[in-house]
Amino acid sequence: MSPTPQEYNKMSQKAAPNSKLFRNMLVAFLVGGLICTIGQGVMEWMQSLGLDQKDGGAVTSISLIFLSALLTGLNCYDNIAKHAGAGTLVPITGFANAMVSPALEFKREGMILGVGAKMFSIAGPVILYGSAASVLYGLILAIFG
């Protein structure tokens, strides 16, 4: 006996968990904003120490990458991401996490075939599709802009 499409719809809506979309969006916004605020704070601190905007930006980027990699290595970043969701995908910290996670997972296979090879298993497609998307967006801008 197979249910009708209306019965199936009713059964699937009953079985599906309630969406927490608003809460998830709010938490992602707040955590992503916090990460960006930390980055801005580091930038302001570097400029107060006498670095210009270019050098301060470099130190800020390095600091955010280091903190993200450190938190990933201490297994904290994934716990934050469980609750923050997309908020942890702020590009520079999310990318650092995406590079460190597979490297840690495969470190028992050695430095070359484990860490070295797996480090780019997620980062490679990100670089590829990010580059392709930027070319596409540039073409759209050149045509319509």
C-alpha atoms as a PDB file:
ATOM      1  CA  MET A   1       0.000   0.000   0.000  1.00  0.00           C
ATOM      2  CA  SER A   2       1.509   3.279  -1.077  1.00  0.00           C
ATOM      3  CA  PRO A   3       0.264   6.616   0.225  1.00  0.00           C
ATOM      4  CA  THR A   4      -1.112   9.301  -2.017  1.00  0.00           C
ATOM      5  CA  PRO A   5       1.075  12.375  -2.591  1.00  0.00           C
ATOM      6  CA  GLN A   6      -1.026  14.379  -0.127  1.00  0.00           C
ATOM      7  CA  GLU A   7      -0.736  11.658   2.540  1.00  0.00           C
ATOM      8  CA  TYR A   8       2.998  11.397   1.938  1.00  0.00           C
ATOM      9  CA  ASN A   9       3.370  15.187   2.285  1.00  0.00           C
ATOM     10  CA  LYS A  10       1.455  15.121   5.549  1.00  0.00           C
ATOM     11  CA  MET A  11       3.567  12.220   6.908  1.00  0.00           C
ATOM     12  CA  SER A  12       6.856  13.856   5.921  1.00  0.00           C
ATOM     13  CA  GLN A  13       5.915  17.213   7.483  1.00  0.00           C
ATOM     14  CA  LYS A  14       4.946  15.402  10.672  1.00  0.00           C
ATOM     15  CA  ALA A  15       8.255  13.493  10.780  1.00  0.00           C
ATOM     16  CA  ALA A  16      10.510  16.448   9.881  1.00  0.00           C
ATOM     17  CA  PRO A  17      12.021  18.429  12.759  1.00  0.00           C
ATOM     18  CA  ASN A  18      10.903  22.005  13.255  1.00  0.00           C
ATOM     19  CA  SER A  19      13.087  24.508  11.453  1.00  0.00           C
ATOM     20  CA  LYS A  20      15.250  26.761  13.587  1.00  0.00           C
ATOM     21  CA  LEU A  21      16.066  28.974  10.613  1.00  0.00           C
ATOM     22  CA  PHE A  22      15.769  32.341  12.376  1.00  0.00           C
ATOM     23  CA  ARG A  23      17.844  31.187  15.357  1.00  0.00           C
ATOM     24  CA  ASN A  24      20.492  29.658  13.074  1.00  0.00           C
ATOM     25  CA  MET A  25      20.729  32.825  10.991  1.00  0.00           C
ATOM     26  CA  LEU A  26      20.994  35.010  14.087  1.00  0.00           C
ATOM     27  CA  VAL A  27      23.734  32.881  15.667  1.00  0.00           C
ATOM     28  CA  ALA A  28      25.650  32.679  12.357  1.00  0.00           C
ATOM     29  CA  PHE A  29      25.416  36.459  11.990  1.00  0.00           C
ATOM     30  CA  LEU A  30      26.597  37.073  15.562  1.00  0.00           C
ATOM     31  CA  VAL A  31      29.501  34.603  15.432  1.00  0.00           C
ATOM     32  CA  GLY A  32      30.623  35.768  11.989  1.00  0.00           C
ATOM     33  CA  GLY A  33      30.391  39.343  13.225  1.00  0.00           C
ATOM     34  CA  LEU A  34      32.409  38.447  16.321  1.00  0.00           C
ATOM     35  CA  ILE A  35      35.157  36.912  14.175  1.00  0.00           C
ATOM     36  CA  CYS A  36      35.219  40.033  12.006  1.00  0.00           C
ATOM     37  CA  THR A  37      35.234  42.249  15.101  1.00  0.00           C
ATOM     38  CA  ILE A  38      38.222  40.336  16.476  1.00  0.00           C
ATOM     39  CA  GLY A  39      39.972  40.845  13.148  1.00  0.00           C
ATOM     40  CA  GLN A  40      39.191  44.562  13.198  1.00  0.00           C
ATOM     41  CA  GLY A  41      40.434  44.771  16.782  1.00  0.00           C
ATOM     42  CA  VAL A  42      43.737  43.163  15.800  1.00  0.00           C
ATOM     43  CA  MET A  43      43.982  45.564  12.862  1.00  0.00           C
ATOM     44  CA  GLU A  44      43.394  48.603  15.099  1.00  0.00           C
ATOM     45  CA  TRP A  45      45.935  47.290  17.596  1.00  0.00           C
ATOM     46  CA  MET A  46      48.555  46.806  14.871  1.00  0.00           C
ATOM     47  CA  GLN A  47      47.957  50.323  13.569  1.00  0.00           C
ATOM     48  CA  SER A  48      48.267  51.722  17.096  1.00  0.00           C
ATOM     49  CA  LEU A  49      51.691  50.046  17.266  1.00  0.00           C
ATOM     50  CA  GLY A  50      52.751  52.013  14.182  1.00  0.00           C
ATOM     51  CA  LEU A  51      52.093  49.603  11.318  1.00  0.00           C
ATOM     52  CA  ASP A  52      50.491  51.005   8.189  1.00  0.00           C
ATOM     53  CA  GLN A  53      47.247  49.573   6.823  1.00  0.00           C
ATOM     54  CA  LYS A  54      48.950  47.125   4.434  1.00  0.00           C
ATOM     55  CA  ASP A  55      51.288  45.640   7.042  1.00  0.00           C
ATOM     56  CA  GLY A  56      48.572  45.691   9.712  1.00  0.00           C
ATOM     57  CA  GLY A  57      46.267  43.818   7.331  1.00  0.00           C
ATOM     58  CA  ALA A  58      48.927  41.170   6.768  1.00  0.00           C
ATOM     59  CA  VAL A  59      49.482  40.700  10.506  1.00  0.00           C
ATOM     60  CA  THR A  60      45.702  40.557  11.044  1.00  0.00           C
ATOM     61  CA  SER A  61      45.295  37.881   8.370  1.00  0.00           C
ATOM     62  CA  ILE A  62      48.146  35.835   9.792  1.00  0.00           C
ATOM     63  CA  SER A  63      46.701  36.180  13.301  1.00  0.00           C
ATOM     64  CA  LEU A  64      43.235  35.013  12.227  1.00  0.00           C
ATOM     65  CA  ILE A  65      44.707  32.070  10.307  1.00  0.00           C
ATOM     66  CA  PHE A  66      46.865  31.121  13.291  1.00  0.00           C
ATOM     67  CA  LEU A  67      43.960  31.340  15.756  1.00  0.00           C
ATOM     68  CA  SER A  68      41.718  29.301  13.470  1.00  0.00           C
ATOM     69  CA  ALA A  69      44.375  26.625  12.962  1.00  0.00           C
ATOM     70  CA  LEU A  70      45.128  26.542  16.690  1.00  0.00           C
ATOM     71  CA  LEU A  71      41.452  26.202  17.621  1.00  0.00           C
ATOM     72  CA  THR A  72      41.068  23.465  14.998  1.00  0.00           C
ATOM     73  CA  GLY A  73      44.073  21.620  16.418  1.00  0.00           C
ATOM     74  CA  LEU A  74      42.645  21.890  19.934  1.00  0.00           C
ATOM     75  CA  ASN A  75      39.291  20.559  18.625  1.00  0.00           C
ATOM     76  CA  CYS A  76      37.539  23.790  19.638  1.00  0.00           C
ATOM     77  CA  TYR A  77      36.743  25.177  16.176  1.00  0.00           C
ATOM     78  CA  ASP A  78      34.459  22.256  15.309  1.00  0.00           C
ATOM     79  CA  ASN A  79      32.607  22.641  18.593  1.00  0.00           C
ATOM     80  CA  ILE A  80      32.090  26.334  17.886  1.00  0.00           C
ATOM     81  CA  ALA A  81      30.944  25.498  14.348  1.00  0.00           C
ATOM     82  CA  LYS A  82      28.358  23.021  15.691  1.00  0.00           C
ATOM     83  CA  HIS A  83      26.546  25.873  17.372  1.00  0.00           C
ATOM     84  CA  ALA A  84      27.491  28.774  15.092  1.00  0.00           C
ATOM     85  CA  GLY A  85      26.937  27.034  11.781  1.00  0.00           C
ATOM     86  CA  ALA A  86      27.754  29.221   8.799  1.00  0.00           C
ATOM     87  CA  GLY A  87      29.071  31.983  11.065  1.00  0.00           C
ATOM     88  CA  THR A  88      32.410  30.179  11.263  1.00  0.00           C
ATOM     89  CA  LEU A  89      32.758  30.227   7.495  1.00  0.00           C
ATOM     90  CA  VAL A  90      34.142  33.757   7.467  1.00  0.00           C
ATOM     91  CA  PRO A  91      36.484  33.191   4.523  1.00  0.00           C
ATOM     92  CA  ILE A  92      39.903  33.375   6.101  1.00  0.00           C
ATOM     93  CA  THR A  93      39.118  31.399   9.267  1.00  0.00           C
ATOM     94  CA  GLY A  94      36.906  28.873   7.498  1.00  0.00           C
ATOM     95  CA  PHE A  95      39.592  28.274   4.891  1.00  0.00           C
ATOM     96  CA  ALA A  96      42.260  27.752   7.556  1.00  0.00           C
ATOM     97  CA  ASN A  97      39.961  25.274   9.298  1.00  0.00           C
ATOM     98  CA  ALA A  98      39.334  23.477   6.000  1.00  0.00           C
ATOM     99  CA  MET A  99      43.086  23.076   5.481  1.00  0.00           C
ATOM    100  CA  VAL A 100      44.008  21.976   9.004  1.00  0.00           C
ATOM    101  CA  SER A 101      41.151  19.508   9.622  1.00  0.00           C
ATOM    102  CA  PRO A 102      42.072  16.951   6.920  1.00  0.00           C
ATOM    103  CA  ALA A 103      45.764  17.347   7.705  1.00  0.00           C
ATOM    104  CA  LEU A 104      45.117  16.416  11.353  1.00  0.00           C
ATOM    105  CA  GLU A 105      42.838  13.566  10.379  1.00  0.00           C
ATOM    106  CA  PHE A 106      45.481  11.907   8.190  1.00  0.00           C
ATOM    107  CA  LYS A 107      48.659  12.712  10.161  1.00  0.00           C
ATOM    108  CA  ARG A 108      49.069   9.056  11.143  1.00  0.00           C
ATOM    109  CA  GLU A 109      49.715   8.289   7.446  1.00  0.00           C
ATOM    110  CA  GLY A 110      52.879  10.382   7.509  1.00  0.00           C
ATOM    111  CA  MET A 111      53.947  13.906   6.756  1.00  0.00           C
ATOM    112  CA  ILE A 112      54.014  13.553   2.956  1.00  0.00           C
ATOM    113  CA  LEU A 113      51.187  11.156   2.075  1.00  0.00           C
ATOM    114  CA  GLY A 114      49.067  12.067   5.078  1.00  0.00           C
ATOM    115  CA  VAL A 115      49.374  15.688   6.095  1.00  0.00           C
ATOM    116  CA  GLY A 116      50.816  17.051   2.854  1.00  0.00           C
ATOM    117  CA  ALA A 117      48.446  15.272   0.479  1.00  0.00           C
ATOM    118  CA  LYS A 118      45.248  15.608   2.466  1.00  0.00           C
ATOM    119  CA  MET A 119      45.782  19.243   3.446  1.00  0.00           C
ATOM    120  CA  PHE A 120      44.592  20.324   0.012  1.00  0.00           C
ATOM    121  CA  SER A 121      41.740  17.810  -0.350  1.00  0.00           C
ATOM    122  CA  ILE A 122      39.191  20.449   0.624  1.00  0.00           C
ATOM    123  CA  ALA A 123      41.208  23.563  -0.145  1.00  0.00           C
ATOM    124  CA  GLY A 124      41.829  22.553  -3.773  1.00  0.00           C
ATOM    125  CA  PRO A 125      38.187  22.674  -4.866  1.00  0.00           C
ATOM    126  CA  VAL A 126      37.702  25.900  -2.916  1.00  0.00           C
ATOM    127  CA  ILE A 127      40.564  27.513  -4.817  1.00  0.00           C
ATOM    128  CA  LEU A 128      39.323  26.116  -8.134  1.00  0.00           C
ATOM    129  CA  TYR A 129      35.687  27.176  -7.779  1.00  0.00           C
ATOM    130  CA  GLY A 130      36.611  30.472  -6.143  1.00  0.00           C
ATOM    131  CA  SER A 131      38.851  31.320  -9.095  1.00  0.00           C
ATOM    132  CA  ALA A 132      36.213  30.208 -11.616  1.00  0.00           C
ATOM    133  CA  ALA A 133      33.521  32.231  -9.832  1.00  0.00           C
ATOM    134  CA  SER A 134      35.700  35.340  -9.772  1.00  0.00           C
ATOM    135  CA  VAL A 135      36.283  35.049 -13.535  1.00  0.00           C
ATOM    136  CA  LEU A 136      32.540  34.615 -14.113  1.00  0.00           C
ATOM    137  CA  TYR A 137      31.689  37.590 -11.883  1.00  0.00           C
ATOM    138  CA  GLY A 138      34.345  39.673 -13.639  1.00  0.00           C
ATOM    139  CA  LEU A 139      32.847  38.834 -17.028  1.00  0.00           C
ATOM    140  CA  ILE A 140      29.357  39.729 -15.803  1.00  0.00           C
ATOM    141  CA  LEU A 141      30.681  43.031 -14.448  1.00  0.00           C
ATOM    142  CA  ALA A 142      32.538  43.761 -17.682  1.00  0.00           C
ATOM    143  CA  ILE A 143      29.442  43.038 -19.786  1.00  0.00           C
ATOM    144  CA  PHE A 144      26.774  44.702 -17.635  1.00  0.00           C
ATOM    145  CA  GLY A 145      28.821  47.181 -15.622  1.00  0.00           C
END
